[in-house]
């Protein structure tokens, strides 16, 4: 075997590994350390509540598996509702702009910012831009988020979850942007992103699914469900995760199995009341002063503010 072929065989796995990481993760340092209002520039979006900044609890302290799972889901669900309710507020604003005959400068600026964030390259204010933005500015069902978070973070006990609030194994590519993996391939430069809070990890994960070309199938399944008046389930959207892991179809099967075994569709049903909320109710949810308020089926207790 020639030296050239041997070198190619050594480099090829590293290239594939690096490409998988690019699919698996958000862009390095693009938005995960920025304030929520910086990248949406929407006056209607309230400030994030203080509890959203809390670190991950020590889930390794649970000796009972059932109790640990219940605590994990109870911690995660309010953060999913918070992230998704803020997306629904933005989506409502987007839809209000699509019905206008003429857009002002601030509205066009907001559209351009959203298009850049969600990787939509269309003429600002055009029908194609609105169509593509509406497909990308949308929620992810709780069951899928919970199953992937549990899978990728070992139920919140992994090194990256504990040290970096990273629940989804997301990578970054700037030196010092995160935690260096102990098993990183020689010559690789990626790190596992760290986040100021688990909420920001959830938000970054949702954004990754909403904009990366690798997850177009997921967005197509979601759009088809919306077009028929249904809510896409986490299990159906899992079909679009073939590129999330190098395990491909086996990974999809595992995520679906976790959704089924842990009855996570319960949270999708619970989330329907959020999906059906008015803009006023969504604003309350998006600024709820207590995370417990987002665990209930009623939005009456979700009173807002940084307080």
C-alpha atoms as a PDB file:
ATOM      1  CA  UNK A   1       0.000   0.000   0.000  1.00  0.00           C
ATOM      2  CA  UNK A   2       1.467   3.380  -1.022  1.00  0.00           C
ATOM      3  CA  UNK A   3       2.152   6.093   1.547  1.00  0.00           C
ATOM      4  CA  UNK A   4      -0.388   8.319  -0.177  1.00  0.00           C
ATOM      5  CA  UNK A   5      -3.190   5.783   0.259  1.00  0.00           C
ATOM      6  CA  UNK A   6      -2.207   5.140   3.862  1.00  0.00           C
ATOM      7  CA  UNK A   7      -2.348   8.883   4.574  1.00  0.00           C
ATOM      8  CA  UNK A   8      -5.768   9.109   2.935  1.00  0.00           C
ATOM      9  CA  UNK A   9      -7.078   6.247   5.063  1.00  0.00           C
ATOM     10  CA  UNK A  10      -5.880   8.020   8.192  1.00  0.00           C
ATOM     11  CA  UNK A  11      -7.381  11.373   7.249  1.00  0.00           C
ATOM     12  CA  UNK A  12     -10.723  10.111   5.938  1.00  0.00           C
ATOM     13  CA  UNK A  13     -12.189   9.029   9.323  1.00  0.00           C
ATOM     14  CA  UNK A  14     -11.233  12.402  10.814  1.00  0.00           C
ATOM     15  CA  UNK A  15     -12.958  14.243   7.986  1.00  0.00           C
ATOM     16  CA  UNK A  16     -16.124  12.164   8.408  1.00  0.00           C
ATOM     17  CA  UNK A  17     -16.004  12.675  12.183  1.00  0.00           C
ATOM     18  CA  UNK A  18     -15.666  16.414  11.715  1.00  0.00           C
ATOM     19  CA  UNK A  19     -18.532  16.557   9.231  1.00  0.00           C
ATOM     20  CA  UNK A  20     -20.764  14.642  11.645  1.00  0.00           C
ATOM     21  CA  UNK A  21     -19.922  17.175  14.323  1.00  0.00           C
ATOM     22  CA  UNK A  22     -20.939  20.037  12.048  1.00  0.00           C
ATOM     23  CA  UNK A  23     -24.332  18.407  11.619  1.00  0.00           C
ATOM     24  CA  UNK A  24     -24.657  17.598  15.295  1.00  0.00           C
ATOM     25  CA  UNK A  25     -24.018  21.092  16.608  1.00  0.00           C
ATOM     26  CA  UNK A  26     -24.877  24.765  16.255  1.00  0.00           C
ATOM     27  CA  UNK A  27     -22.404  27.140  14.653  1.00  0.00           C
ATOM     28  CA  UNK A  28     -19.542  28.137  16.971  1.00  0.00           C
ATOM     29  CA  UNK A  29     -20.359  31.067  19.210  1.00  0.00           C
ATOM     30  CA  UNK A  30     -23.023  32.373  16.846  1.00  0.00           C
ATOM     31  CA  UNK A  31     -25.636  33.174  19.429  1.00  0.00           C
ATOM     32  CA  UNK A  32     -25.454  31.016  22.506  1.00  0.00           C
ATOM     33  CA  UNK A  33     -23.835  33.718  24.667  1.00  0.00           C
ATOM     34  CA  UNK A  34     -26.000  36.553  23.458  1.00  0.00           C
ATOM     35  CA  UNK A  35     -28.987  37.970  25.272  1.00  0.00           C
ATOM     36  CA  UNK A  36     -32.321  36.620  24.041  1.00  0.00           C
ATOM     37  CA  UNK A  37     -33.523  40.028  22.896  1.00  0.00           C
ATOM     38  CA  UNK A  38     -30.368  40.682  20.869  1.00  0.00           C
ATOM     39  CA  UNK A  39     -31.120  38.131  18.172  1.00  0.00           C
ATOM     40  CA  UNK A  40     -34.864  38.648  17.914  1.00  0.00           C
ATOM     41  CA  UNK A  41     -35.073  42.427  18.405  1.00  0.00           C
ATOM     42  CA  UNK A  42     -38.781  42.124  19.158  1.00  0.00           C
ATOM     43  CA  UNK A  43     -40.204  44.612  21.650  1.00  0.00           C
ATOM     44  CA  UNK A  44     -43.124  42.327  22.498  1.00  0.00           C
ATOM     45  CA  UNK A  45     -40.774  39.642  23.806  1.00  0.00           C
ATOM     46  CA  UNK A  46     -40.397  40.043  27.600  1.00  0.00           C
ATOM     47  CA  UNK A  47     -37.147  39.665  29.509  1.00  0.00           C
ATOM     48  CA  UNK A  48     -36.247  36.163  30.533  1.00  0.00           C
ATOM     49  CA  UNK A  49     -37.268  35.237  34.087  1.00  0.00           C
ATOM     50  CA  UNK A  50     -34.515  34.754  36.654  1.00  0.00           C
ATOM     51  CA  UNK A  51     -35.160  31.046  37.107  1.00  0.00           C
ATOM     52  CA  UNK A  52     -34.158  30.398  33.489  1.00  0.00           C
ATOM     53  CA  UNK A  53     -30.549  31.141  34.510  1.00  0.00           C
ATOM     54  CA  UNK A  54     -30.394  28.351  37.098  1.00  0.00           C
ATOM     55  CA  UNK A  55     -27.742  25.660  36.661  1.00  0.00           C
ATOM     56  CA  UNK A  56     -28.478  21.977  36.289  1.00  0.00           C
ATOM     57  CA  UNK A  57     -29.363  20.151  39.523  1.00  0.00           C
ATOM     58  CA  UNK A  58     -27.253  17.216  40.671  1.00  0.00           C
ATOM     59  CA  UNK A  59     -29.260  14.355  39.193  1.00  0.00           C
ATOM     60  CA  UNK A  60     -26.531  11.875  40.161  1.00  0.00           C
ATOM     61  CA  UNK A  61     -27.688  12.236  43.780  1.00  0.00           C
ATOM     62  CA  UNK A  62     -30.826  10.184  43.027  1.00  0.00           C
ATOM     63  CA  UNK A  63     -30.501   6.517  43.891  1.00  0.00           C
ATOM     64  CA  UNK A  64     -33.981   5.681  42.601  1.00  0.00           C
ATOM     65  CA  UNK A  65     -34.160   5.688  38.809  1.00  0.00           C
ATOM     66  CA  UNK A  66     -37.863   6.537  38.678  1.00  0.00           C
ATOM     67  CA  UNK A  67     -37.377   9.529  40.979  1.00  0.00           C
ATOM     68  CA  UNK A  68     -34.404  10.727  38.931  1.00  0.00           C
ATOM     69  CA  UNK A  69     -36.378  10.558  35.698  1.00  0.00           C
ATOM     70  CA  UNK A  70     -39.342  12.392  37.235  1.00  0.00           C
ATOM     71  CA  UNK A  71     -37.043  15.127  38.565  1.00  0.00           C
ATOM     72  CA  UNK A  72     -35.285  15.412  35.206  1.00  0.00           C
ATOM     73  CA  UNK A  73     -38.532  15.841  33.279  1.00  0.00           C
ATOM     74  CA  UNK A  74     -39.963  18.260  35.872  1.00  0.00           C
ATOM     75  CA  UNK A  75     -36.842  20.405  35.554  1.00  0.00           C
ATOM     76  CA  UNK A  76     -36.784  20.284  31.761  1.00  0.00           C
ATOM     77  CA  UNK A  77     -40.451  20.811  30.874  1.00  0.00           C
ATOM     78  CA  UNK A  78     -40.763  24.449  32.092  1.00  0.00           C
ATOM     79  CA  UNK A  79     -37.656  25.349  30.101  1.00  0.00           C
ATOM     80  CA  UNK A  80     -39.137  23.744  27.004  1.00  0.00           C
ATOM     81  CA  UNK A  81     -42.384  25.673  27.491  1.00  0.00           C
ATOM     82  CA  UNK A  82     -40.405  28.880  28.005  1.00  0.00           C
ATOM     83  CA  UNK A  83     -38.376  28.428  24.817  1.00  0.00           C
ATOM     84  CA  UNK A  84     -41.344  27.293  22.718  1.00  0.00           C
ATOM     85  CA  UNK A  85     -43.705  29.997  23.996  1.00  0.00           C
ATOM     86  CA  UNK A  86     -41.186  32.654  22.982  1.00  0.00           C
ATOM     87  CA  UNK A  87     -40.962  31.064  19.540  1.00  0.00           C
ATOM     88  CA  UNK A  88     -44.748  31.153  19.237  1.00  0.00           C
ATOM     89  CA  UNK A  89     -44.731  34.862  20.095  1.00  0.00           C
ATOM     90  CA  UNK A  90     -42.191  35.469  17.333  1.00  0.00           C
ATOM     91  CA  UNK A  91     -44.183  33.270  14.969  1.00  0.00           C
ATOM     92  CA  UNK A  92     -47.334  35.252  15.670  1.00  0.00           C
ATOM     93  CA  UNK A  93     -45.494  38.481  14.931  1.00  0.00           C
ATOM     94  CA  UNK A  94     -44.119  36.988  11.709  1.00  0.00           C
ATOM     95  CA  UNK A  95     -47.610  36.030  10.597  1.00  0.00           C
ATOM     96  CA  UNK A  96     -48.911  39.516  11.374  1.00  0.00           C
ATOM     97  CA  UNK A  97     -46.213  40.999   9.133  1.00  0.00           C
ATOM     98  CA  UNK A  98     -47.034  38.620   6.290  1.00  0.00           C
ATOM     99  CA  UNK A  99     -50.530  40.115   6.103  1.00  0.00           C
ATOM    100  CA  UNK A 100     -49.290  43.686   5.661  1.00  0.00           C
ATOM    101  CA  UNK A 101     -49.205  45.459   2.310  1.00  0.00           C
ATOM    102  CA  UNK A 102     -46.182  47.508   3.296  1.00  0.00           C
ATOM    103  CA  UNK A 103     -43.500  47.025   5.960  1.00  0.00           C
ATOM    104  CA  UNK A 104     -41.712  49.750   7.877  1.00  0.00           C
ATOM    105  CA  UNK A 105     -37.951  49.885   8.368  1.00  0.00           C
ATOM    106  CA  UNK A 106     -37.987  48.279  11.829  1.00  0.00           C
ATOM    107  CA  UNK A 107     -40.170  45.416  10.596  1.00  0.00           C
ATOM    108  CA  UNK A 108     -37.856  44.766   7.659  1.00  0.00           C
ATOM    109  CA  UNK A 109     -34.864  44.841  10.008  1.00  0.00           C
ATOM    110  CA  UNK A 110     -36.492  42.247  12.255  1.00  0.00           C
ATOM    111  CA  UNK A 111     -37.201  40.044   9.243  1.00  0.00           C
ATOM    112  CA  UNK A 112     -33.596  40.333   8.045  1.00  0.00           C
ATOM    113  CA  UNK A 113     -32.285  39.431  11.486  1.00  0.00           C
ATOM    114  CA  UNK A 114     -34.550  36.390  11.696  1.00  0.00           C
ATOM    115  CA  UNK A 115     -33.617  35.352   8.156  1.00  0.00           C
ATOM    116  CA  UNK A 116     -29.918  35.539   9.017  1.00  0.00           C
ATOM    117  CA  UNK A 117     -30.396  33.624  12.264  1.00  0.00           C
ATOM    118  CA  UNK A 118     -32.472  30.894  10.623  1.00  0.00           C
ATOM    119  CA  UNK A 119     -30.458  30.798   7.396  1.00  0.00           C
ATOM    120  CA  UNK A 120     -33.155  31.932   5.016  1.00  0.00           C
ATOM    121  CA  UNK A 121     -31.687  33.554   1.918  1.00  0.00           C
ATOM    122  CA  UNK A 122     -34.663  35.254   0.287  1.00  0.00           C
ATOM    123  CA  UNK A 123     -35.651  38.802  -0.602  1.00  0.00           C
ATOM    124  CA  UNK A 124     -36.721  40.601   2.623  1.00  0.00           C
ATOM    125  CA  UNK A 125     -40.496  40.831   2.797  1.00  0.00           C
ATOM    126  CA  UNK A 126     -41.040  38.484  -0.155  1.00  0.00           C
ATOM    127  CA  UNK A 127     -43.583  35.683  -0.131  1.00  0.00           C
ATOM    128  CA  UNK A 128     -40.748  33.138  -0.292  1.00  0.00           C
ATOM    129  CA  UNK A 129     -39.092  34.648   2.767  1.00  0.00           C
ATOM    130  CA  UNK A 130     -42.301  34.494   4.788  1.00  0.00           C
ATOM    131  CA  UNK A 131     -42.971  30.933   3.673  1.00  0.00           C
ATOM    132  CA  UNK A 132     -39.508  29.689   4.586  1.00  0.00           C
ATOM    133  CA  UNK A 133     -39.322  31.632   7.844  1.00  0.00           C
ATOM    134  CA  UNK A 134     -42.690  30.266   8.938  1.00  0.00           C
ATOM    135  CA  UNK A 135     -41.397  26.745   8.301  1.00  0.00           C
ATOM    136  CA  UNK A 136     -38.307  27.367  10.448  1.00  0.00           C
ATOM    137  CA  UNK A 137     -39.681  29.602  13.186  1.00  0.00           C
ATOM    138  CA  UNK A 138     -41.670  26.884  14.898  1.00  0.00           C
ATOM    139  CA  UNK A 139     -41.723  24.762  18.045  1.00  0.00           C
ATOM    140  CA  UNK A 140     -40.237  21.350  18.774  1.00  0.00           C
ATOM    141  CA  UNK A 141     -42.507  18.932  20.716  1.00  0.00           C
ATOM    142  CA  UNK A 142     -41.450  18.334  24.334  1.00  0.00           C
ATOM    143  CA  UNK A 143     -41.249  14.548  23.928  1.00  0.00           C
ATOM    144  CA  UNK A 144     -38.464  14.812  21.351  1.00  0.00           C
ATOM    145  CA  UNK A 145     -36.510  17.374  23.376  1.00  0.00           C
ATOM    146  CA  UNK A 146     -36.812  15.300  26.549  1.00  0.00           C
ATOM    147  CA  UNK A 147     -35.794  12.039  24.895  1.00  0.00           C
ATOM    148  CA  UNK A 148     -32.754  13.553  23.232  1.00  0.00           C
ATOM    149  CA  UNK A 149     -31.721  15.439  26.368  1.00  0.00           C
ATOM    150  CA  UNK A 150     -31.951  12.249  28.425  1.00  0.00           C
ATOM    151  CA  UNK A 151     -30.068  10.268  25.794  1.00  0.00           C
ATOM    152  CA  UNK A 152     -27.293  12.782  25.133  1.00  0.00           C
ATOM    153  CA  UNK A 153     -26.710  13.818  28.761  1.00  0.00           C
ATOM    154  CA  UNK A 154     -27.211  10.465  30.514  1.00  0.00           C
ATOM    155  CA  UNK A 155     -30.204  11.924  32.350  1.00  0.00           C
ATOM    156  CA  UNK A 156     -28.316  15.087  33.240  1.00  0.00           C
ATOM    157  CA  UNK A 157     -25.314  13.288  34.754  1.00  0.00           C
ATOM    158  CA  UNK A 158     -22.745  13.464  31.946  1.00  0.00           C
ATOM    159  CA  UNK A 159     -19.557  15.481  32.358  1.00  0.00           C
ATOM    160  CA  UNK A 160     -20.691  17.989  29.756  1.00  0.00           C
ATOM    161  CA  UNK A 161     -24.115  18.398  31.343  1.00  0.00           C
ATOM    162  CA  UNK A 162     -22.665  18.907  34.825  1.00  0.00           C
ATOM    163  CA  UNK A 163     -19.809  21.190  33.818  1.00  0.00           C
ATOM    164  CA  UNK A 164     -21.338  23.009  30.857  1.00  0.00           C
ATOM    165  CA  UNK A 165     -25.142  22.769  31.169  1.00  0.00           C
ATOM    166  CA  UNK A 166     -24.971  21.024  27.799  1.00  0.00           C
ATOM    167  CA  UNK A 167     -27.871  18.578  27.502  1.00  0.00           C
ATOM    168  CA  UNK A 168     -27.562  17.711  23.811  1.00  0.00           C
ATOM    169  CA  UNK A 169     -23.872  17.069  23.148  1.00  0.00           C
ATOM    170  CA  UNK A 170     -23.586  20.210  21.050  1.00  0.00           C
ATOM    171  CA  UNK A 171     -20.138  21.145  19.754  1.00  0.00           C
ATOM    172  CA  UNK A 172     -18.401  24.448  19.115  1.00  0.00           C
ATOM    173  CA  UNK A 173     -15.250  25.114  17.113  1.00  0.00           C
ATOM    174  CA  UNK A 174     -13.477  28.158  18.584  1.00  0.00           C
ATOM    175  CA  UNK A 175     -10.627  27.480  20.997  1.00  0.00           C
ATOM    176  CA  UNK A 176     -11.857  27.941  24.553  1.00  0.00           C
ATOM    177  CA  UNK A 177     -15.541  27.970  23.559  1.00  0.00           C
ATOM    178  CA  UNK A 178     -16.343  24.921  25.653  1.00  0.00           C
ATOM    179  CA  UNK A 179     -14.977  21.727  27.194  1.00  0.00           C
ATOM    180  CA  UNK A 180     -12.310  19.670  25.441  1.00  0.00           C
ATOM    181  CA  UNK A 181     -13.501  16.050  25.053  1.00  0.00           C
ATOM    182  CA  UNK A 182     -11.164  13.535  26.643  1.00  0.00           C
ATOM    183  CA  UNK A 183     -11.608  11.197  23.679  1.00  0.00           C
ATOM    184  CA  UNK A 184     -11.140  13.840  20.986  1.00  0.00           C
ATOM    185  CA  UNK A 185      -9.455  12.467  17.865  1.00  0.00           C
ATOM    186  CA  UNK A 186      -5.909  13.700  17.365  1.00  0.00           C
ATOM    187  CA  UNK A 187      -5.924  16.687  15.042  1.00  0.00           C
ATOM    188  CA  UNK A 188      -9.579  17.590  15.761  1.00  0.00           C
ATOM    189  CA  UNK A 189     -10.295  21.066  17.127  1.00  0.00           C
ATOM    190  CA  UNK A 190     -13.892  20.865  18.300  1.00  0.00           C
ATOM    191  CA  UNK A 191     -14.970  21.343  21.892  1.00  0.00           C
ATOM    192  CA  UNK A 192     -18.249  20.526  23.597  1.00  0.00           C
ATOM    193  CA  UNK A 193     -20.085  23.812  24.054  1.00  0.00           C
ATOM    194  CA  UNK A 194     -20.785  25.094  27.523  1.00  0.00           C
ATOM    195  CA  UNK A 195     -23.843  27.187  28.290  1.00  0.00           C
ATOM    196  CA  UNK A 196     -24.648  29.623  31.046  1.00  0.00           C
ATOM    197  CA  UNK A 197     -27.804  27.654  31.803  1.00  0.00           C
ATOM    198  CA  UNK A 198     -29.663  24.526  30.669  1.00  0.00           C
ATOM    199  CA  UNK A 199     -32.334  26.820  29.229  1.00  0.00           C
ATOM    200  CA  UNK A 200     -29.810  28.260  26.773  1.00  0.00           C
ATOM    201  CA  UNK A 201     -28.822  24.724  25.826  1.00  0.00           C
ATOM    202  CA  UNK A 202     -32.480  23.942  25.045  1.00  0.00           C
ATOM    203  CA  UNK A 203     -32.829  27.140  23.056  1.00  0.00           C
ATOM    204  CA  UNK A 204     -29.681  26.449  21.035  1.00  0.00           C
ATOM    205  CA  UNK A 205     -30.776  22.880  20.329  1.00  0.00           C
ATOM    206  CA  UNK A 206     -34.172  24.030  19.024  1.00  0.00           C
ATOM    207  CA  UNK A 207     -32.487  26.620  16.822  1.00  0.00           C
ATOM    208  CA  UNK A 208     -30.151  23.963  15.450  1.00  0.00           C
ATOM    209  CA  UNK A 209     -33.073  21.760  14.407  1.00  0.00           C
ATOM    210  CA  UNK A 210     -34.910  24.752  12.972  1.00  0.00           C
ATOM    211  CA  UNK A 211     -32.186  25.947  10.650  1.00  0.00           C
ATOM    212  CA  UNK A 212     -29.566  23.317   9.820  1.00  0.00           C
ATOM    213  CA  UNK A 213     -29.944  21.742   6.356  1.00  0.00           C
ATOM    214  CA  UNK A 214     -29.373  18.296   7.899  1.00  0.00           C
ATOM    215  CA  UNK A 215     -32.789  18.524   9.584  1.00  0.00           C
ATOM    216  CA  UNK A 216     -34.857  19.581   6.584  1.00  0.00           C
ATOM    217  CA  UNK A 217     -36.782  16.291   6.759  1.00  0.00           C
ATOM    218  CA  UNK A 218     -37.764  17.049  10.351  1.00  0.00           C
ATOM    219  CA  UNK A 219     -39.082  20.459   9.330  1.00  0.00           C
ATOM    220  CA  UNK A 220     -40.930  18.961   6.368  1.00  0.00           C
ATOM    221  CA  UNK A 221     -42.703  16.446   8.622  1.00  0.00           C
ATOM    222  CA  UNK A 222     -43.661  19.273  10.979  1.00  0.00           C
ATOM    223  CA  UNK A 223     -44.940  21.436   8.124  1.00  0.00           C
ATOM    224  CA  UNK A 224     -47.034  18.582   6.704  1.00  0.00           C
ATOM    225  CA  UNK A 225     -48.646  18.051  10.107  1.00  0.00           C
ATOM    226  CA  UNK A 226     -49.390  21.772  10.479  1.00  0.00           C
ATOM    227  CA  UNK A 227     -50.843  21.927   6.977  1.00  0.00           C
ATOM    228  CA  UNK A 228     -53.300  19.172   7.877  1.00  0.00           C
ATOM    229  CA  UNK A 229     -54.241  20.868  11.149  1.00  0.00           C
ATOM    230  CA  UNK A 230     -52.360  18.414  13.373  1.00  0.00           C
ATOM    231  CA  UNK A 231     -49.497  18.707  15.839  1.00  0.00           C
ATOM    232  CA  UNK A 232     -46.373  16.830  14.835  1.00  0.00           C
ATOM    233  CA  UNK A 233     -45.391  14.275  17.443  1.00  0.00           C
ATOM    234  CA  UNK A 234     -41.886  13.851  18.758  1.00  0.00           C
ATOM    235  CA  UNK A 235     -41.826  10.309  17.409  1.00  0.00           C
ATOM    236  CA  UNK A 236     -42.732  11.449  13.883  1.00  0.00           C
ATOM    237  CA  UNK A 237     -40.136  14.232  13.929  1.00  0.00           C
ATOM    238  CA  UNK A 238     -37.467  11.776  15.070  1.00  0.00           C
ATOM    239  CA  UNK A 239     -37.382  10.534  11.463  1.00  0.00           C
ATOM    240  CA  UNK A 240     -35.476  13.717  10.643  1.00  0.00           C
ATOM    241  CA  UNK A 241     -32.622  12.962  13.083  1.00  0.00           C
ATOM    242  CA  UNK A 242     -30.676  10.552  10.880  1.00  0.00           C
ATOM    243  CA  UNK A 243     -27.745  12.987  10.779  1.00  0.00           C
ATOM    244  CA  UNK A 244     -27.833  13.920  14.461  1.00  0.00           C
ATOM    245  CA  UNK A 245     -25.758  10.855  15.317  1.00  0.00           C
ATOM    246  CA  UNK A 246     -23.316   8.733  13.360  1.00  0.00           C
ATOM    247  CA  UNK A 247     -25.559   5.801  14.379  1.00  0.00           C
ATOM    248  CA  UNK A 248     -28.233   7.008  11.957  1.00  0.00           C
ATOM    249  CA  UNK A 249     -31.349   4.820  11.923  1.00  0.00           C
ATOM    250  CA  UNK A 250     -30.375   3.055  15.155  1.00  0.00           C
ATOM    251  CA  UNK A 251     -30.275   6.427  16.904  1.00  0.00           C
ATOM    252  CA  UNK A 252     -33.754   7.290  15.586  1.00  0.00           C
ATOM    253  CA  UNK A 253     -35.087   3.956  16.865  1.00  0.00           C
ATOM    254  CA  UNK A 254     -33.529   4.565  20.270  1.00  0.00           C
ATOM    255  CA  UNK A 255     -35.060   8.036  20.597  1.00  0.00           C
ATOM    256  CA  UNK A 256     -38.472   6.700  19.617  1.00  0.00           C
ATOM    257  CA  UNK A 257     -38.099   3.874  22.115  1.00  0.00           C
ATOM    258  CA  UNK A 258     -37.279   6.371  24.873  1.00  0.00           C
ATOM    259  CA  UNK A 259     -40.349   8.429  23.991  1.00  0.00           C
ATOM    260  CA  UNK A 260     -42.543   5.335  24.118  1.00  0.00           C
ATOM    261  CA  UNK A 261     -41.016   3.714  27.213  1.00  0.00           C
ATOM    262  CA  UNK A 262     -41.144   6.922  29.269  1.00  0.00           C
ATOM    263  CA  UNK A 263     -44.619   7.905  28.012  1.00  0.00           C
ATOM    264  CA  UNK A 264     -43.288  11.277  26.855  1.00  0.00           C
ATOM    265  CA  UNK A 265     -46.273  11.818  24.571  1.00  0.00           C
ATOM    266  CA  UNK A 266     -47.984  12.875  27.812  1.00  0.00           C
ATOM    267  CA  UNK A 267     -45.954  16.085  27.652  1.00  0.00           C
ATOM    268  CA  UNK A 268     -46.916  16.652  24.021  1.00  0.00           C
ATOM    269  CA  UNK A 269     -50.578  16.452  25.026  1.00  0.00           C
ATOM    270  CA  UNK A 270     -49.907  18.747  27.959  1.00  0.00           C
ATOM    271  CA  UNK A 271     -48.221  21.214  25.603  1.00  0.00           C
ATOM    272  CA  UNK A 272     -51.317  21.503  23.399  1.00  0.00           C
ATOM    273  CA  UNK A 273     -52.752  24.121  25.769  1.00  0.00           C
ATOM    274  CA  UNK A 274     -49.630  26.228  25.135  1.00  0.00           C
ATOM    275  CA  UNK A 275     -49.925  25.802  21.367  1.00  0.00           C
ATOM    276  CA  UNK A 276     -53.541  26.972  21.575  1.00  0.00           C
ATOM    277  CA  UNK A 277     -52.780  29.958  23.824  1.00  0.00           C
ATOM    278  CA  UNK A 278     -53.524  33.539  22.898  1.00  0.00           C
ATOM    279  CA  UNK A 279     -50.654  35.984  22.451  1.00  0.00           C
ATOM    280  CA  UNK A 280     -51.460  37.455  25.865  1.00  0.00           C
ATOM    281  CA  UNK A 281     -51.240  34.042  27.505  1.00  0.00           C
ATOM    282  CA  UNK A 282     -47.979  33.325  25.694  1.00  0.00           C
ATOM    283  CA  UNK A 283     -46.523  36.581  27.005  1.00  0.00           C
ATOM    284  CA  UNK A 284     -47.356  35.465  30.543  1.00  0.00           C
ATOM    285  CA  UNK A 285     -45.715  32.107  29.979  1.00  0.00           C
ATOM    286  CA  UNK A 286     -42.654  33.705  28.405  1.00  0.00           C
ATOM    287  CA  UNK A 287     -42.013  35.771  31.526  1.00  0.00           C
ATOM    288  CA  UNK A 288     -43.408  33.550  34.298  1.00  0.00           C
ATOM    289  CA  UNK A 289     -41.729  34.470  37.587  1.00  0.00           C
ATOM    290  CA  UNK A 290     -41.914  30.872  38.857  1.00  0.00           C
ATOM    291  CA  UNK A 291     -41.042  27.843  36.803  1.00  0.00           C
ATOM    292  CA  UNK A 292     -43.711  25.831  38.618  1.00  0.00           C
ATOM    293  CA  UNK A 293     -46.313  27.907  36.804  1.00  0.00           C
ATOM    294  CA  UNK A 294     -45.212  26.299  33.527  1.00  0.00           C
ATOM    295  CA  UNK A 295     -45.699  22.804  34.922  1.00  0.00           C
ATOM    296  CA  UNK A 296     -49.450  23.326  35.270  1.00  0.00           C
ATOM    297  CA  UNK A 297     -52.095  23.117  32.569  1.00  0.00           C
ATOM    298  CA  UNK A 298     -53.322  26.616  33.326  1.00  0.00           C
ATOM    299  CA  UNK A 299     -51.650  29.879  32.400  1.00  0.00           C
ATOM    300  CA  UNK A 300     -53.457  31.788  35.160  1.00  0.00           C
ATOM    301  CA  UNK A 301     -50.516  31.430  37.570  1.00  0.00           C
ATOM    302  CA  UNK A 302     -47.903  32.495  35.038  1.00  0.00           C
ATOM    303  CA  UNK A 303     -47.321  36.040  36.226  1.00  0.00           C
ATOM    304  CA  UNK A 304     -44.349  37.688  34.715  1.00  0.00           C
ATOM    305  CA  UNK A 305     -41.286  39.692  35.123  1.00  0.00           C
ATOM    306  CA  UNK A 306     -37.807  39.678  36.488  1.00  0.00           C
ATOM    307  CA  UNK A 307     -39.326  40.903  39.797  1.00  0.00           C
END
